[in-house]
Amino acid sequence: MGGVQAAMEEEQTLRIEGIVSGAVGEIMDESGLKPSIVIRSGEPAKVVREYVGERTEVAALVLGAAPAGSPGPLVAHFTGNDAGKVPCPIMIIPGSLSEERLEQLS
């Protein structure tokens, strides 16, 4: 059973790396920076808080807000009670931004 779980996790990691690479490929090409992809299990807000607390090289926590309705659980959490407890700036990217506008801003 452990082998099946490991294979599923590896497949998921490769899928996520492909999605991230496609989404930030142009930024990586222009800046020469490569994002690190970390996959951890657990309660999402707690895992993110622990990760940015452990890593001094994290310059900012960038979160995407949903284009309508609730902004999403991580955005709600990190702009609520934990907003002042994160050891780096928090940036919220509105989900309603067009790709063109996002490119202008970046």
C-alpha atoms as a PDB file:
ATOM      1  CA  MET A   1       0.000   0.000   0.000  1.00  0.00           C
ATOM      2  CA  GLY A   2       2.888   2.377   0.764  1.00  0.00           C
ATOM      3  CA  GLY A   3       4.275   1.917  -2.757  1.00  0.00           C
ATOM      4  CA  VAL A   4       0.953   2.936  -4.286  1.00  0.00           C
ATOM      5  CA  GLN A   5       0.791   6.025  -2.051  1.00  0.00           C
ATOM      6  CA  ALA A   6       4.360   6.993  -2.989  1.00  0.00           C
ATOM      7  CA  ALA A   7       3.580   6.568  -6.699  1.00  0.00           C
ATOM      8  CA  MET A   8       0.447   8.712  -6.365  1.00  0.00           C
ATOM      9  CA  GLU A   9       2.378  11.425  -4.531  1.00  0.00           C
ATOM     10  CA  GLU A  10       5.123  11.399  -7.183  1.00  0.00           C
ATOM     11  CA  GLU A  11       2.539  11.679  -9.963  1.00  0.00           C
ATOM     12  CA  GLN A  12       0.849  14.565  -8.169  1.00  0.00           C
ATOM     13  CA  THR A  13       4.203  16.311  -7.649  1.00  0.00           C
ATOM     14  CA  LEU A  14       5.048  16.040 -11.351  1.00  0.00           C
ATOM     15  CA  ARG A  15       1.606  17.356 -12.316  1.00  0.00           C
ATOM     16  CA  ILE A  16       1.932  20.329  -9.957  1.00  0.00           C
ATOM     17  CA  GLU A  17       5.459  21.102 -11.180  1.00  0.00           C
ATOM     18  CA  GLY A  18       4.150  21.120 -14.753  1.00  0.00           C
ATOM     19  CA  ILE A  19       1.323  23.503 -13.888  1.00  0.00           C
ATOM     20  CA  VAL A  20       3.640  25.870 -11.983  1.00  0.00           C
ATOM     21  CA  SER A  21       6.283  25.797 -14.712  1.00  0.00           C
ATOM     22  CA  GLY A  22       3.689  26.637 -17.341  1.00  0.00           C
ATOM     23  CA  ALA A  23       2.219  29.441 -15.270  1.00  0.00           C
ATOM     24  CA  VAL A  24       5.498  31.109 -14.387  1.00  0.00           C
ATOM     25  CA  GLY A  25       7.601  30.070 -17.362  1.00  0.00           C
ATOM     26  CA  GLU A  26       7.865  33.565 -18.807  1.00  0.00           C
ATOM     27  CA  ILE A  27       8.765  35.083 -15.446  1.00  0.00           C
ATOM     28  CA  MET A  28      11.426  32.412 -14.968  1.00  0.00           C
ATOM     29  CA  ASP A  29      12.832  33.096 -18.430  1.00  0.00           C
ATOM     30  CA  GLU A  30      12.994  36.860 -17.854  1.00  0.00           C
ATOM     31  CA  SER A  31      14.282  36.842 -14.287  1.00  0.00           C
ATOM     32  CA  GLY A  32      16.348  33.686 -14.168  1.00  0.00           C
ATOM     33  CA  LEU A  33      14.602  32.759 -10.921  1.00  0.00           C
ATOM     34  CA  LYS A  34      13.163  29.318 -10.390  1.00  0.00           C
ATOM     35  CA  PRO A  35      10.328  28.796  -7.918  1.00  0.00           C
ATOM     36  CA  SER A  36      10.697  26.031  -5.404  1.00  0.00           C
ATOM     37  CA  ILE A  37       7.814  23.630  -5.209  1.00  0.00           C
ATOM     38  CA  VAL A  38       7.130  22.167  -1.796  1.00  0.00           C
ATOM     39  CA  ILE A  39       4.342  19.719  -1.127  1.00  0.00           C
ATOM     40  CA  ARG A  40       3.337  19.083   2.458  1.00  0.00           C
ATOM     41  CA  SER A  41       0.328  17.413   4.005  1.00  0.00           C
ATOM     42  CA  GLY A  42      -1.777  18.948   6.718  1.00  0.00           C
ATOM     43  CA  GLU A  43      -4.053  21.861   7.451  1.00  0.00           C
ATOM     44  CA  PRO A  44      -3.185  24.374   4.674  1.00  0.00           C
ATOM     45  CA  ALA A  45      -2.948  27.602   6.706  1.00  0.00           C
ATOM     46  CA  LYS A  46      -0.828  25.926   9.391  1.00  0.00           C
ATOM     47  CA  VAL A  47       1.485  24.339   6.798  1.00  0.00           C
ATOM     48  CA  VAL A  48       1.992  27.655   4.973  1.00  0.00           C
ATOM     49  CA  ARG A  49       2.565  29.561   8.230  1.00  0.00           C
ATOM     50  CA  GLU A  50       5.162  26.992   9.362  1.00  0.00           C
ATOM     51  CA  TYR A  51       6.895  27.009   5.983  1.00  0.00           C
ATOM     52  CA  VAL A  52       7.327  30.783   5.754  1.00  0.00           C
ATOM     53  CA  GLY A  53       8.373  30.832   9.412  1.00  0.00           C
ATOM     54  CA  GLU A  54      11.146  28.299   8.742  1.00  0.00           C
ATOM     55  CA  ARG A  55      12.506  29.953   5.590  1.00  0.00           C
ATOM     56  CA  THR A  56      14.212  33.338   5.784  1.00  0.00           C
ATOM     57  CA  GLU A  57      14.621  33.341   1.989  1.00  0.00           C
ATOM     58  CA  VAL A  58      10.847  33.700   1.461  1.00  0.00           C
ATOM     59  CA  ALA A  59      10.483  37.309   0.310  1.00  0.00           C
ATOM     60  CA  ALA A  60       6.676  37.373   0.205  1.00  0.00           C
ATOM     61  CA  LEU A  61       3.614  35.184   0.515  1.00  0.00           C
ATOM     62  CA  VAL A  62       1.665  35.613  -2.723  1.00  0.00           C
ATOM     63  CA  LEU A  63      -1.919  34.385  -2.656  1.00  0.00           C
ATOM     64  CA  GLY A  64      -4.568  34.405  -5.363  1.00  0.00           C
ATOM     65  CA  ALA A  65      -8.070  35.505  -4.384  1.00  0.00           C
ATOM     66  CA  ALA A  66     -11.112  33.986  -6.027  1.00  0.00           C
ATOM     67  CA  PRO A  67     -12.668  36.239  -8.691  1.00  0.00           C
ATOM     68  CA  ALA A  68     -16.046  36.275  -6.925  1.00  0.00           C
ATOM     69  CA  GLY A  69     -17.531  35.354  -3.572  1.00  0.00           C
ATOM     70  CA  SER A  70     -15.303  34.319  -0.722  1.00  0.00           C
ATOM     71  CA  PRO A  71     -11.636  35.066  -1.491  1.00  0.00           C
ATOM     72  CA  GLY A  72     -10.633  31.551  -0.447  1.00  0.00           C
ATOM     73  CA  PRO A  73      -9.572  29.990   2.841  1.00  0.00           C
ATOM     74  CA  LEU A  74      -5.886  30.963   2.732  1.00  0.00           C
ATOM     75  CA  VAL A  75      -6.594  34.571   1.774  1.00  0.00           C
ATOM     76  CA  ALA A  76      -9.243  34.816   4.494  1.00  0.00           C
ATOM     77  CA  HIS A  77      -6.905  33.297   7.066  1.00  0.00           C
ATOM     78  CA  PHE A  78      -3.806  35.364   6.286  1.00  0.00           C
ATOM     79  CA  THR A  79      -5.692  38.646   6.020  1.00  0.00           C
ATOM     80  CA  GLY A  80      -7.546  37.946   9.265  1.00  0.00           C
ATOM     81  CA  ASN A  81      -6.093  37.153  12.669  1.00  0.00           C
ATOM     82  CA  ASP A  82      -2.730  35.982  11.310  1.00  0.00           C
ATOM     83  CA  ALA A  83      -2.088  39.030   9.090  1.00  0.00           C
ATOM     84  CA  GLY A  84       0.356  40.587  11.528  1.00  0.00           C
ATOM     85  CA  LYS A  85       2.059  37.340  12.508  1.00  0.00           C
ATOM     86  CA  VAL A  86       3.575  36.333   9.169  1.00  0.00           C
ATOM     87  CA  PRO A  87       7.331  37.072   8.903  1.00  0.00           C
ATOM     88  CA  CYS A  88       7.080  38.423   5.336  1.00  0.00           C
ATOM     89  CA  PRO A  89       4.785  40.673   3.291  1.00  0.00           C
ATOM     90  CA  ILE A  90       1.529  39.179   2.019  1.00  0.00           C
ATOM     91  CA  MET A  91       0.429  39.974  -1.535  1.00  0.00           C
ATOM     92  CA  ILE A  92      -3.094  39.248  -2.742  1.00  0.00           C
ATOM     93  CA  ILE A  93      -3.629  38.827  -6.491  1.00  0.00           C
ATOM     94  CA  PRO A  94      -7.281  39.402  -7.444  1.00  0.00           C
ATOM     95  CA  GLY A  95      -8.687  36.495  -9.426  1.00  0.00           C
ATOM     96  CA  SER A  96     -10.519  38.887 -11.721  1.00  0.00           C
ATOM     97  CA  LEU A  97      -7.311  40.375 -13.182  1.00  0.00           C
ATOM     98  CA  SER A  98      -6.835  39.660 -16.860  1.00  0.00           C
ATOM     99  CA  GLU A  99      -3.540  38.160 -17.998  1.00  0.00           C
ATOM    100  CA  GLU A 100      -2.756  41.420 -19.784  1.00  0.00           C
ATOM    101  CA  ARG A 101      -3.296  43.496 -16.635  1.00  0.00           C
ATOM    102  CA  LEU A 102      -1.294  41.064 -14.561  1.00  0.00           C
ATOM    103  CA  GLU A 103       1.588  41.353 -17.026  1.00  0.00           C
ATOM    104  CA  GLN A 104       1.397  45.167 -16.834  1.00  0.00           C
ATOM    105  CA  LEU A 105       1.650  45.037 -13.061  1.00  0.00           C
ATOM    106  CA  SER A 106       4.515  42.581 -12.995  1.00  0.00           C
END
